[in-house]
Amino acid sequence: MGKEICRQEMVSAIVPAWNEAAYIGAVLSVLCSHPQIDEVIVVDDGSTDDTVSQAQRFPVQLITLQKNYGKAKAMDVGIRTAKNNIVLFCDADITGLHDKIVSTMINPVLEGSVDMYIALIDQWSYRLNQWFHIFPLIGGERVLRKSVWFDVPDPYKKNFQIEIALNYFSKIHGRRMSFSLETLSHVRKEKKYGWVVGSIRRIGMMYDIVAISVRLYVLYTLYEYLRYSRTLFQGRYSKYKLLFKRAKTNIVIPFKDR
């Protein structure tokens, strides 16, 4: 009975976009026609091309930001606008997306078997990850419950760092997460922006990924460990202090007759 109720839930799709006029139409055509999605939100992140006019060709809710705030900010605006409890994030420049992949992401979350599901580009590093779990699951195509998003503290919702942060805090909060390798691909940044600008943006993306990985998996983990150790020490100190106090009050000093 519980699963039947879950299957009746609908999904809000959120597409953050910045200068994706050439590619966003193909993505929206899939999302807007999927039977489990009843709301598609496009968050235009200050585009200077025809992204807005391309999005307006489809039955979407369009939100236009006045300047380029970055991917994570656009995602945050979208999820706070979405009417459904389950949301699907999708990059505007993804290629190879079709109904079956969308359903593969949505169904495990709808059925309650996981809290977040990621569709990854089928490449050797992620294949290796199925056994050794050594590479971060970086993918903009994911379905999750809103609570997963709000588990992430605001300081970690920044640019491309958000995908690593979602994975990390999902584990911290005991969320269930799964992924699959799909026949998806991204338009290379060098193709979209030219070799120089594209390379700079790629370096910026890699910097974000490395920075958040060090910040969370090293510094934040160390901070939490030290905080836990301090709490544990204080708890034991308080316990021993109380025992000592009780023992002291129970000491009987023999009366000496002078």
Foldseek 3Di string as FASTA:
>chain_A
DVLVVLQPFAEEEEEEDAQLLPFQLVVQVAQLPAPRHDAYEYEDQCHPDCNVVSVVVGPHHYHYDNHHQADLVSVVVVLVPDPGQKYWFDYSFKPPDHRVVLCVQPSCCSSPVFFKEFEAADDDVVVVCVPVVPDQRQGRTMMGGVVLQVLQDPVQSGHSSSSNSSVLSCVVVVGGYYYDHDNMDGDQQCVVPNPPVSVVVVVVNVCSNVVSCCVVVPVVVVVVVVVVVVVVVVVVVVVVVVVVVVVVVVDDDDDDDD
